């Protein structure tokens, strides 16, 4: 049985044998038996590289953060994660600056990580429920994810793709409603509207 460490677009962590292209962290979520006991512990939900400076980790080691995995960066953003400021420093700086501009940040010159995490936490989860918001599908920018029924989709340039653990499949725009439940946090969609482009799994553009 695979470990419960794959993150869905709604942020829920499930088991899957498929491999991700990014790793993530929400704190220590597992017990000594490598069983998931909670969905998050920290407000800093980050997206990391699979490899960084040759570091080796045993998955779900005792008293260590729980390694989570995402299909791609699009999925991570939908779930409410942001780039890691250590292993993805350049990407974090790019996102931080774009987020500050797109959301008219009025605090420091640019938003700091703890402030960003507070905003994202409020926009991604309410108690133990994913925060969804309604929006016109036609006006959602590239990289935004949304839900229709039990299925998750993403806007990939001029087309729609359906999400799965193994990758994306084609979706017909005419089969989707005009207004949808958006998974990606509002402030992140503002960033996408400003021209920031999240990384898609190759299956979305093949």
Protein backbone atom coordinates (compact mmCIF):
# COMPACT_ATOMS: atom_id res chain seq x y z
CA UNK A 1 0.00 0.00 0.00
CA UNK A 2 1.53 3.34 -1.02
CA UNK A 3 2.01 6.02 1.62
CA UNK A 4 -0.69 8.64 2.03
CA UNK A 5 1.34 11.56 0.69
CA UNK A 6 -0.12 12.70 -2.66
CA UNK A 7 -1.89 16.07 -2.62
CA UNK A 8 -5.06 16.64 -4.62
CA UNK A 9 -6.05 20.06 -6.03
CA UNK A 10 -8.46 20.54 -3.12
CA UNK A 11 -5.58 20.05 -0.69
CA UNK A 12 -6.67 16.64 0.56
CA UNK A 13 -3.80 14.15 0.97
CA UNK A 14 -4.44 10.68 -0.46
CA UNK A 15 -2.55 7.50 -1.39
CA UNK A 16 -1.37 6.90 -4.95
CA UNK A 17 1.43 4.95 -6.65
CA UNK A 18 1.96 7.70 -9.20
CA UNK A 19 4.99 9.98 -8.92
CA UNK A 20 4.89 13.72 -8.43
CA UNK A 21 7.08 16.41 -9.97
CA UNK A 22 7.26 18.59 -6.84
CA UNK A 23 7.52 17.87 -3.13
CA UNK A 24 5.81 19.78 -0.33
CA UNK A 25 5.68 20.33 3.41
CA UNK A 26 2.97 21.22 5.96
CA UNK A 27 4.81 20.06 9.08
CA UNK A 28 4.78 16.69 10.85
CA UNK A 29 1.55 14.92 9.86
CA UNK A 30 2.39 11.23 10.40
CA UNK A 31 2.93 8.84 13.32
CA UNK A 32 5.61 6.21 13.99
CA UNK A 33 3.78 3.77 11.70
CA UNK A 34 3.95 6.23 8.77
CA UNK A 35 0.21 6.78 8.96
CA UNK A 36 -1.21 10.22 8.31
CA UNK A 37 -2.88 11.61 11.45
CA UNK A 38 -3.68 15.15 10.29
CA UNK A 39 -3.89 17.13 7.04
CA UNK A 40 -1.70 19.99 8.22
CA UNK A 41 0.14 21.33 11.26
CA UNK A 42 1.83 24.56 10.12
CA UNK A 43 0.43 27.50 8.19
CA UNK A 44 3.50 27.52 5.96
CA UNK A 45 2.45 25.19 3.17
CA UNK A 46 5.38 25.09 0.77
CA UNK A 47 6.31 23.51 -2.55
CA UNK A 48 9.84 22.12 -2.87
CA UNK A 49 12.16 20.56 -5.42
CA UNK A 50 12.35 16.77 -5.49
CA UNK A 51 16.14 17.03 -5.17
CA UNK A 52 18.18 19.74 -3.45
CA UNK A 53 21.91 19.77 -2.72
CA UNK A 54 22.08 15.97 -2.69
CA UNK A 55 20.02 15.66 0.49
CA UNK A 56 18.60 12.19 1.12
CA UNK A 57 15.46 11.65 3.19
CA UNK A 58 13.62 8.54 4.33
CA UNK A 59 9.93 9.20 3.76
CA UNK A 60 7.93 9.85 6.93
CA UNK A 61 10.90 9.53 9.28
CA UNK A 62 10.15 9.89 13.04
CA UNK A 63 9.84 13.50 14.23
CA UNK A 64 10.53 14.88 10.73
CA UNK A 65 8.20 16.77 8.45
CA UNK A 66 5.93 14.71 6.21
CA UNK A 67 7.04 14.71 2.58
CA UNK A 68 4.10 15.46 0.32
CA UNK A 69 4.01 15.20 -3.47
CA UNK A 70 2.18 17.06 -6.25
CA UNK A 71 1.50 16.29 -9.88
CA UNK A 72 2.79 19.79 -10.73
CA UNK A 73 3.04 23.38 -9.53
CA UNK A 74 -0.48 24.11 -10.78
CA UNK A 75 -1.83 21.47 -8.39
CA UNK A 76 0.28 22.82 -5.52
CA UNK A 77 -0.99 26.36 -5.99
CA UNK A 78 -4.60 25.11 -6.15
CA UNK A 79 -4.10 23.27 -2.87
CA UNK A 80 -2.83 26.50 -1.30
CA UNK A 81 0.95 25.93 -1.30
CA UNK A 82 3.57 28.51 -2.27
CA UNK A 83 7.21 28.08 -3.40
CA UNK A 84 9.81 27.22 -0.76
CA UNK A 85 12.10 30.16 0.09
CA UNK A 86 15.11 27.84 0.49
CA UNK A 87 15.25 25.25 -2.28
CA UNK A 88 13.23 27.38 -4.73
CA UNK A 89 14.47 30.82 -3.71
CA UNK A 90 14.34 32.43 -7.14
CA UNK A 91 10.81 31.12 -7.75
CA UNK A 92 9.73 32.21 -4.27
CA UNK A 93 11.05 35.75 -4.89
CA UNK A 94 9.29 35.86 -8.26
CA UNK A 95 5.99 34.73 -6.73
CA UNK A 96 6.32 37.00 -3.67
CA UNK A 97 6.94 40.07 -5.81
CA UNK A 98 4.14 39.21 -8.23
CA UNK A 99 1.75 38.47 -5.35
CA UNK A 100 2.57 41.80 -3.67
CA UNK A 101 1.88 43.74 -6.86
CA UNK A 102 -1.21 41.80 -7.93
CA UNK A 103 -2.82 42.07 -4.49
CA UNK A 104 -1.84 45.71 -3.81
CA UNK A 105 0.08 44.80 -0.67
CA UNK A 106 0.18 47.83 1.64
CA UNK A 107 2.49 46.56 4.35
CA UNK A 108 6.22 46.29 3.72
CA UNK A 109 7.63 46.88 0.25
CA UNK A 110 6.81 43.25 -0.51
CA UNK A 111 4.89 40.73 1.55
CA UNK A 112 6.94 38.64 3.99
CA UNK A 113 6.59 34.85 4.14
CA UNK A 114 4.66 34.70 7.47
CA UNK A 115 2.22 37.36 6.22
CA UNK A 116 1.78 35.56 2.92
CA UNK A 117 1.15 32.28 4.74
CA UNK A 118 -1.55 33.91 6.91
CA UNK A 119 -3.41 35.20 3.86
CA UNK A 120 -3.12 31.92 1.95
CA UNK A 121 -4.23 29.90 4.97
CA UNK A 122 -7.43 31.93 5.29
CA UNK A 123 -8.10 31.56 1.56
CA UNK A 124 -7.47 27.82 1.29
CA UNK A 125 -9.19 26.26 4.30
CA UNK A 126 -12.01 27.05 6.74
CA UNK A 127 -11.88 24.66 9.67
CA UNK A 128 -11.33 21.39 7.83
CA UNK A 129 -13.13 22.43 4.63
CA UNK A 130 -11.56 23.67 1.40
CA UNK A 131 -12.50 27.26 0.60
CA UNK A 132 -14.20 27.43 -2.80
CA UNK A 133 -15.37 30.54 -4.61
CA UNK A 134 -17.56 31.02 -7.64
CA UNK A 135 -16.32 32.65 -10.83
CA UNK A 136 -17.02 32.76 -14.54
CA UNK A 137 -15.01 30.04 -16.29
CA UNK A 138 -14.41 32.24 -19.31
CA UNK A 139 -12.56 34.80 -17.16
CA UNK A 140 -10.23 32.46 -15.28
CA UNK A 141 -6.53 32.85 -16.15
CA UNK A 142 -4.02 30.21 -17.22
CA UNK A 143 -3.11 27.88 -14.35
CA UNK A 144 -6.32 28.24 -12.35
CA UNK A 145 -7.96 25.04 -11.11
CA UNK A 146 -11.67 24.53 -10.51
CA UNK A 147 -14.09 21.78 -9.55
CA UNK A 148 -17.16 20.44 -11.33
CA UNK A 149 -18.89 17.74 -9.31
CA UNK A 150 -16.19 15.40 -8.03
CA UNK A 151 -13.70 16.26 -10.79
CA UNK A 152 -10.95 18.87 -10.89
CA UNK A 153 -9.93 20.81 -14.00
CA UNK A 154 -7.35 23.40 -14.97
CA UNK A 155 -7.24 26.25 -17.46
CA UNK A 156 -4.23 25.63 -19.73
CA UNK A 157 -3.94 28.55 -22.14
CA UNK A 158 -6.99 28.32 -24.40
CA UNK A 159 -8.05 24.80 -23.39
CA UNK A 160 -9.39 22.94 -20.39
CA UNK A 161 -7.76 19.81 -18.97
CA UNK A 162 -9.03 17.31 -16.42
CA UNK A 163 -6.73 16.49 -13.50
CA UNK A 164 -5.67 12.98 -12.40
CA UNK A 165 -2.88 11.56 -10.23
CA UNK A 166 -1.06 10.35 -13.35
CA UNK A 167 -1.57 13.50 -15.39
CA UNK A 168 -4.14 15.51 -17.31
CA UNK A 169 -6.61 14.48 -19.98
CA UNK A 170 -8.48 16.60 -22.50
CA UNK A 171 -11.77 18.21 -21.49
CA UNK A 172 -14.39 19.78 -23.71
CA UNK A 173 -15.22 23.38 -22.84
CA UNK A 174 -18.84 22.99 -23.96
CA UNK A 175 -19.33 20.20 -21.39
CA UNK A 176 -18.44 22.53 -18.52
CA UNK A 177 -20.73 25.09 -16.83
CA UNK A 178 -20.33 28.83 -17.33
CA UNK A 179 -19.72 29.42 -13.62
CA UNK A 180 -17.52 27.09 -11.57
CA UNK A 181 -16.21 26.49 -8.04
CA UNK A 182 -12.63 27.73 -8.06
CA UNK A 183 -10.02 25.76 -6.10
CA UNK A 184 -7.04 28.08 -6.48
CA UNK A 185 -7.00 30.79 -3.76
CA UNK A 186 -8.25 34.21 -4.87
CA UNK A 187 -4.97 36.04 -4.29
CA UNK A 188 -3.09 33.42 -6.33
CA UNK A 189 -5.55 33.81 -9.22
CA UNK A 190 -4.80 37.54 -9.06
CA UNK A 191 -1.13 36.65 -9.53
CA UNK A 192 -1.95 34.46 -12.53
CA UNK A 193 -3.98 37.33 -14.00
CA UNK A 194 -0.88 39.50 -13.77
CA UNK A 195 1.05 37.15 -16.07
CA UNK A 196 2.77 34.77 -13.62
CA UNK A 197 2.68 31.29 -15.19
CA UNK A 198 2.72 28.19 -12.98
CA UNK A 199 4.43 24.99 -14.15
CA UNK A 200 2.13 22.38 -15.72
CA UNK A 201 2.76 18.65 -15.92
CA UNK A 202 3.82 17.76 -19.50
CA UNK A 203 0.56 15.84 -20.06
CA UNK A 204 -1.35 19.14 -20.05
CA UNK A 205 0.52 20.51 -23.04
CA UNK A 206 1.26 17.34 -25.02
